[in-house]
Amino acid sequence: MTVQTSPVNDRAHEEFTAHDAPLFSGLPGDISASFEFFPPKTEKMEAKLWDAVSELKPLGPSFVSVTYGAGGSTRERTHATVARIIDEAGLPAAAHLTCVGASKAEIREVAEHYWEAGVRHIVALRGDAGEPGAPFTPHPDGYASAADLVAGLKDIADFDISVAAYPETHPDADCPQADLDNLKRKLDAGASRAITQFFFSAETFFRFRDEAAACGIAAPIIPGILPVTNVAQARKFAGACGAEIPAWMDGLFEGLDARPAARQLVAATVAAELCRRLYAGGVRDYHFYTLNRADLAYAICHMLGMRPTGA
């Protein structure tokens, strides 16, 4: 006789296991992962990026994404990187696209070029003008919001579209509810899923997920994971997306500036523990902000039970 278990009992079992057994023992690898890269500026950076893509490819990512600079500043490099990932690595690649500094006609041109290159997945973002945190000003002939961009892209082609979510509220939002309302507009406009900005507390994600569900949001919300090796850099990123850097993180990395191997170990440990807590709460899909490095994301996926396809 097969015994059926409820999601509540499964979660209780996972929580018990996470606290009373070795954290990463016996995980079945029933997760999927996606990885974000940024377009390289130099040949050396391109080689580093391609090493990362090659190292992560055997994990069979659900997709990899390539970011898009403010005002379309990386347009050509983003397109070239996405096209190469599709052509040479054979991976499903998503291209980021923002509203900043572009008319609807220009965005249509970019989107059509992506479609011709085999891109079927777009990460649609409102974007920020110039430096992180600078106010967004719509192009007079452009899209005024990410929701409008999503609707416009769906009119251009049948793209699979991901959008951004902010567990700790976007800095431009009047309040958390307004931010959730905006997320719902983006999903209602045709997006398939939301990918969160990074965060450092599993409860932050679970609370956000529950609040989204209470607002009628049923689409998948994938947690974005940033393994931190440089707290100052992470703090700069956090200022642009409303994330909070825990006070304990400074102390954890103190004295490790000249010890890169130790920094890597600490970074992997912190991020893996977060992912394990998310796993205990039922999360099976993860999106890693790689900063064009594979080692940390690969190690975390390995600890969560993921193995190279065919291994």
Protein backbone atom coordinates (compact mmCIF):
# COMPACT_ATOMS: atom_id res chain seq x y z
CA MET A 1 0.00 0.00 0.00
CA THR A 2 1.33 3.43 -0.96
CA VAL A 3 1.17 5.99 1.80
CA GLN A 4 0.24 9.45 0.59
CA THR A 5 1.85 12.39 2.36
CA SER A 6 0.59 15.93 2.41
CA PRO A 7 2.70 18.99 1.50
CA VAL A 8 2.41 20.09 5.12
CA ASN A 9 3.84 16.78 6.36
CA ASP A 10 6.56 16.89 3.70
CA ARG A 11 7.58 20.35 4.84
CA ALA A 12 7.56 19.29 8.49
CA HIS A 13 9.77 16.33 7.61
CA GLU A 14 12.14 18.59 5.67
CA GLU A 15 12.34 21.08 8.51
CA PHE A 16 13.12 18.25 10.94
CA THR A 17 15.78 16.87 8.61
CA ALA A 18 17.35 20.28 8.05
CA HIS A 19 17.76 20.81 11.79
CA ASP A 20 18.54 17.32 13.09
CA ALA A 21 20.60 15.68 10.35
CA PRO A 22 23.61 16.73 8.27
CA LEU A 23 22.16 19.61 6.25
CA PHE A 24 22.98 18.26 2.81
CA SER A 25 22.77 14.51 3.36
CA GLY A 26 20.58 12.42 1.13
CA LEU A 27 19.13 15.19 -1.03
CA PRO A 28 17.73 13.62 -4.20
CA GLY A 29 18.76 16.44 -6.53
CA ASP A 30 15.15 17.20 -7.45
CA ILE A 31 15.90 20.84 -8.17
CA SER A 32 16.31 22.97 -11.24
CA ALA A 33 18.65 25.91 -11.57
CA SER A 34 19.10 28.85 -13.89
CA PHE A 35 22.13 31.11 -14.10
CA GLU A 36 22.55 34.79 -14.86
CA PHE A 37 25.56 36.26 -16.66
CA PHE A 38 26.52 39.73 -17.82
CA PRO A 39 27.95 40.51 -21.28
CA PRO A 40 31.77 40.72 -21.26
CA LYS A 41 33.64 43.91 -22.14
CA THR A 42 37.00 42.41 -23.14
CA GLU A 43 38.39 39.24 -24.69
CA LYS A 44 39.71 38.17 -21.30
CA MET A 45 36.29 38.65 -19.71
CA GLU A 46 34.69 36.78 -22.61
CA ALA A 47 37.00 33.82 -22.02
CA LYS A 48 36.09 33.86 -18.32
CA LEU A 49 32.39 33.96 -19.15
CA TRP A 50 32.68 31.09 -21.58
CA ASP A 51 34.57 29.02 -19.00
CA ALA A 52 31.63 29.61 -16.61
CA VAL A 53 29.04 28.65 -19.23
CA SER A 54 31.00 25.51 -20.10
CA GLU A 55 31.32 24.50 -16.45
CA LEU A 56 27.64 24.99 -15.65
CA LYS A 57 26.25 23.47 -18.86
CA PRO A 58 26.52 19.83 -17.64
CA LEU A 59 24.08 20.66 -14.83
CA GLY A 60 21.36 21.06 -17.46
CA PRO A 61 20.10 24.50 -16.42
CA SER A 62 16.48 25.33 -17.14
CA PHE A 63 17.84 28.48 -18.80
CA VAL A 64 20.66 30.98 -18.58
CA SER A 65 20.10 34.72 -18.85
CA VAL A 66 22.24 37.64 -19.99
CA THR A 67 21.79 41.11 -18.55
CA TYR A 68 21.19 44.35 -20.45
CA GLY A 69 22.93 47.60 -19.55
CA ALA A 70 21.20 50.84 -18.61
CA GLY A 71 19.84 52.63 -21.65
CA GLY A 72 20.71 49.69 -23.86
CA SER A 73 24.43 50.31 -23.30
CA THR A 74 25.24 46.61 -23.74
CA ARG A 75 22.72 45.92 -26.50
CA GLU A 76 25.15 44.47 -29.04
CA ARG A 77 27.19 42.57 -26.46
CA THR A 78 24.07 41.12 -24.87
CA HIS A 79 22.80 39.98 -28.26
CA ALA A 80 26.16 38.46 -29.22
CA THR A 81 26.47 36.64 -25.90
CA VAL A 82 22.95 35.22 -26.03
CA ALA A 83 23.39 34.13 -29.66
CA ARG A 84 26.68 32.39 -28.86
CA ILE A 85 25.19 30.56 -25.87
CA ILE A 86 22.37 29.26 -28.08
CA ASP A 87 24.57 28.39 -31.07
CA GLU A 88 27.66 26.97 -29.37
CA ALA A 89 26.53 25.78 -25.95
CA GLY A 90 23.07 24.69 -27.06
CA LEU A 91 21.52 26.07 -23.88
CA PRO A 92 18.15 27.81 -23.60
CA ALA A 93 19.12 31.45 -23.22
CA ALA A 94 17.03 34.39 -22.02
CA ALA A 95 17.90 37.95 -22.96
CA HIS A 96 17.21 40.82 -20.59
CA LEU A 97 15.41 43.82 -22.07
CA THR A 98 14.53 47.12 -20.40
CA CYS A 99 12.35 50.15 -21.12
CA VAL A 100 15.15 52.64 -20.50
CA GLY A 101 16.16 55.02 -23.28
CA ALA A 102 14.35 53.23 -26.07
CA SER A 103 11.23 53.85 -28.12
CA LYS A 104 8.68 51.14 -28.76
CA ALA A 105 9.99 50.89 -32.31
CA GLU A 106 13.56 50.35 -31.08
CA ILE A 107 12.44 47.70 -28.63
CA ARG A 108 10.50 45.97 -31.39
CA GLU A 109 13.65 45.92 -33.52
CA VAL A 110 15.71 44.42 -30.69
CA ALA A 111 13.03 41.86 -29.85
CA GLU A 112 12.67 40.80 -33.49
CA HIS A 113 16.44 40.33 -33.76
CA TYR A 114 16.36 38.15 -30.66
CA TRP A 115 13.57 36.04 -32.13
CA GLU A 116 15.53 35.62 -35.37
CA ALA A 117 18.56 34.50 -33.31
CA GLY A 118 16.49 31.77 -31.69
CA VAL A 119 15.76 33.56 -28.40
CA ARG A 120 12.35 32.58 -27.06
CA HIS A 121 12.70 33.82 -23.49
CA ILE A 122 12.93 37.48 -22.41
CA VAL A 123 13.54 38.85 -18.93
CA ALA A 124 11.50 42.05 -19.15
CA LEU A 125 12.52 44.84 -16.78
CA ARG A 126 11.64 48.47 -16.36
CA GLY A 127 15.27 49.27 -15.61
CA ASP A 128 16.94 52.28 -14.02
CA ALA A 129 18.50 55.18 -15.86
CA GLY A 130 22.25 55.61 -15.50
CA GLU A 131 23.72 54.82 -12.11
CA PRO A 132 21.94 52.33 -9.82
CA GLY A 133 19.16 54.06 -7.96
CA ALA A 134 18.75 56.88 -10.49
CA PRO A 135 15.08 57.72 -11.17
CA PHE A 136 13.39 56.12 -14.13
CA THR A 137 12.13 58.48 -16.81
CA PRO A 138 10.10 56.87 -19.59
CA HIS A 139 11.16 57.51 -23.17
CA PRO A 140 8.54 59.81 -24.76
CA ASP A 141 7.81 57.14 -27.37
CA GLY A 142 8.60 54.16 -25.16
CA TYR A 143 7.02 51.93 -22.57
CA ALA A 144 6.20 53.53 -19.23
CA SER A 145 6.49 50.38 -17.13
CA ALA A 146 7.60 46.77 -17.14
CA ALA A 147 3.95 45.68 -17.39
CA ASP A 148 3.59 47.72 -20.58
CA LEU A 149 6.83 46.21 -21.90
CA VAL A 150 5.55 42.69 -21.23
CA ALA A 151 2.32 43.40 -23.11
CA GLY A 152 4.27 44.95 -25.98
CA LEU A 153 6.61 41.97 -26.26
CA LYS A 154 3.69 39.55 -26.33
CA ASP A 155 2.29 41.52 -29.28
CA ILE A 156 5.62 41.19 -31.11
CA ALA A 157 6.07 37.43 -30.69
CA ASP A 158 5.07 34.58 -28.40
CA PHE A 159 7.98 35.07 -26.02
CA ASP A 160 8.20 33.28 -22.70
CA ILE A 161 8.66 36.22 -20.33
CA SER A 162 10.13 36.47 -16.86
CA VAL A 163 9.86 39.58 -14.69
CA ALA A 164 11.51 40.82 -11.51
CA ALA A 165 10.12 40.59 -7.98
CA TYR A 166 11.37 42.37 -4.87
CA PRO A 167 10.96 40.47 -1.57
CA GLU A 168 12.06 43.53 0.39
CA THR A 169 10.17 46.03 -1.81
CA HIS A 170 11.56 48.02 -4.74
CA PRO A 171 13.05 51.38 -3.64
CA ASP A 172 10.67 53.26 -5.97
CA ALA A 173 7.53 51.62 -4.58
CA ASP A 174 5.32 53.65 -2.25
CA CYS A 175 4.74 50.61 -0.04
CA PRO A 176 4.99 46.80 -0.16
CA GLN A 177 1.39 46.46 -1.35
CA ALA A 178 1.99 48.83 -4.26
CA ASP A 179 5.01 46.74 -5.22
CA LEU A 180 2.95 43.55 -5.13
CA ASP A 181 0.24 45.21 -7.21
CA ASN A 182 2.87 46.10 -9.79
CA LEU A 183 4.14 42.52 -9.85
CA LYS A 184 0.61 41.27 -10.47
CA ARG A 185 0.21 43.74 -13.37
CA LYS A 186 3.38 42.35 -14.97
CA LEU A 187 2.18 38.77 -14.64
CA ASP A 188 -1.33 39.60 -15.80
CA ALA A 189 0.19 41.28 -18.88
CA GLY A 190 1.59 37.93 -19.97
CA ALA A 191 4.70 37.07 -17.96
CA SER A 192 5.11 33.41 -16.99
CA ARG A 193 7.16 33.74 -13.81
CA ALA A 194 8.91 36.15 -11.48
CA ILE A 195 12.55 35.99 -10.44
CA THR A 196 13.37 37.73 -7.19
CA GLN A 197 16.18 40.06 -6.43
CA PHE A 198 18.63 38.56 -3.97
CA PHE A 199 17.93 38.32 -0.25
CA PHE A 200 19.62 36.66 2.71
CA SER A 201 16.80 35.28 4.85
CA ALA A 202 14.62 32.36 3.85
CA GLU A 203 11.77 33.79 5.88
CA THR A 204 11.95 36.97 3.79
CA PHE A 205 11.22 34.88 0.71
CA PHE A 206 8.50 32.78 2.31
CA ARG A 207 6.72 35.84 3.66
CA PHE A 208 6.86 37.49 0.23
CA ARG A 209 5.60 34.35 -1.48
CA ASP A 210 2.68 34.10 0.92
CA GLU A 211 1.81 37.77 0.48
CA ALA A 212 1.92 37.38 -3.29
CA ALA A 213 -0.41 34.38 -3.12
CA ALA A 214 -2.80 36.38 -0.95
CA CYS A 215 -2.90 38.99 -3.73
CA GLY A 216 -3.97 36.38 -6.26
CA ILE A 217 -0.52 35.79 -7.76
CA ALA A 218 -0.32 32.14 -8.81
CA ALA A 219 2.68 32.25 -11.17
CA PRO A 220 5.96 30.69 -10.01
CA ILE A 221 8.24 32.97 -8.00
CA ILE A 222 11.86 31.84 -8.28
CA PRO A 223 14.31 32.97 -5.60
CA GLY A 224 17.36 34.81 -6.88
CA ILE A 225 20.54 33.77 -5.05
CA LEU A 226 23.67 35.92 -4.86
CA PRO A 227 26.67 34.14 -3.33
CA VAL A 228 28.55 37.05 -1.73
CA THR A 229 32.35 37.23 -1.72
CA ASN A 230 32.57 41.03 -1.65
CA VAL A 231 30.28 42.68 0.90
CA ALA A 232 30.96 46.22 -0.36
CA GLN A 233 29.98 45.19 -3.88
CA ALA A 234 26.87 43.41 -2.60
CA ARG A 235 25.89 46.51 -0.63
CA LYS A 236 26.09 48.56 -3.83
CA PHE A 237 23.84 46.09 -5.62
CA ALA A 238 21.46 46.06 -2.66
CA GLY A 239 21.00 49.82 -2.73
CA ALA A 240 19.55 49.58 -6.21
CA CYS A 241 17.02 46.83 -5.47
CA GLY A 242 15.96 47.37 -1.87
CA ALA A 243 17.71 44.33 -0.41
CA GLU A 244 19.09 44.38 3.12
CA ILE A 245 22.63 43.25 3.87
CA PRO A 246 22.60 41.60 7.32
CA ALA A 247 24.87 43.22 9.90
CA TRP A 248 26.53 39.90 10.62
CA MET A 249 27.84 39.60 7.07
CA ASP A 250 30.51 42.29 7.54
CA GLY A 251 31.90 40.46 10.54
CA LEU A 252 31.82 37.13 8.74
CA PHE A 253 34.07 38.38 5.95
CA GLU A 254 36.27 40.57 8.14
CA GLY A 255 39.97 39.80 7.72
CA LEU A 256 39.53 37.78 4.54
CA ASP A 257 40.50 40.43 1.98
CA ALA A 258 43.82 38.72 1.29
CA ARG A 259 42.45 35.20 1.57
CA PRO A 260 40.41 34.50 -1.58
CA ALA A 261 40.06 30.76 -0.92
CA ALA A 262 38.65 31.41 2.54
CA ARG A 263 36.28 34.04 1.13
CA GLN A 264 35.02 31.52 -1.41
CA LEU A 265 34.42 28.92 1.28
CA VAL A 266 32.51 31.35 3.48
CA ALA A 267 30.46 32.63 0.53
CA ALA A 268 29.49 29.12 -0.56
CA THR A 269 28.58 28.12 3.01
CA VAL A 270 26.31 31.13 3.58
CA ALA A 271 24.52 30.81 0.23
CA ALA A 272 24.19 27.03 0.47
CA GLU A 273 22.62 27.27 3.91
CA LEU A 274 20.09 29.78 2.57
CA CYS A 275 19.26 27.47 -0.33
CA ARG A 276 18.90 24.52 2.04
CA ARG A 277 16.43 26.45 4.18
CA LEU A 278 14.50 27.37 1.03
CA TYR A 279 14.52 23.71 0.00
CA ALA A 280 13.08 22.77 3.40
CA GLY A 281 10.24 25.18 2.65
CA GLY A 282 9.42 23.53 -0.66
CA VAL A 283 11.57 25.52 -3.10
CA ARG A 284 12.88 23.46 -6.00
CA ASP A 285 13.80 26.17 -8.53
CA TYR A 286 16.73 28.54 -8.00
CA HIS A 287 18.19 31.39 -10.04
CA PHE A 288 21.86 32.17 -9.39
CA TYR A 289 23.48 35.54 -9.98
CA THR A 290 26.88 34.18 -11.01
CA LEU A 291 28.79 37.41 -11.74
CA ASN A 292 30.27 35.32 -14.56
CA ARG A 293 31.83 32.77 -12.20
CA ALA A 294 30.73 29.17 -12.04
CA ASP A 295 32.45 27.79 -8.96
CA LEU A 296 30.11 28.98 -6.21
CA ALA A 297 26.87 28.26 -8.06
CA TYR A 298 28.16 24.84 -9.09
CA ALA A 299 29.18 23.97 -5.53
CA ILE A 300 25.80 25.01 -4.12
CA CYS A 301 23.89 23.02 -6.73
CA HIS A 302 26.10 20.02 -5.97
CA MET A 303 25.36 20.28 -2.23
CA LEU A 304 21.65 20.39 -3.06
CA GLY A 305 22.03 17.03 -4.79
CA MET A 306 22.27 18.21 -8.39
CA ARG A 307 24.66 16.24 -10.58
CA PRO A 308 25.82 16.64 -14.19
CA THR A 309 23.30 15.24 -16.66
CA GLY A 310 24.28 11.71 -17.64
CA ALA A 311 26.52 11.33 -14.57
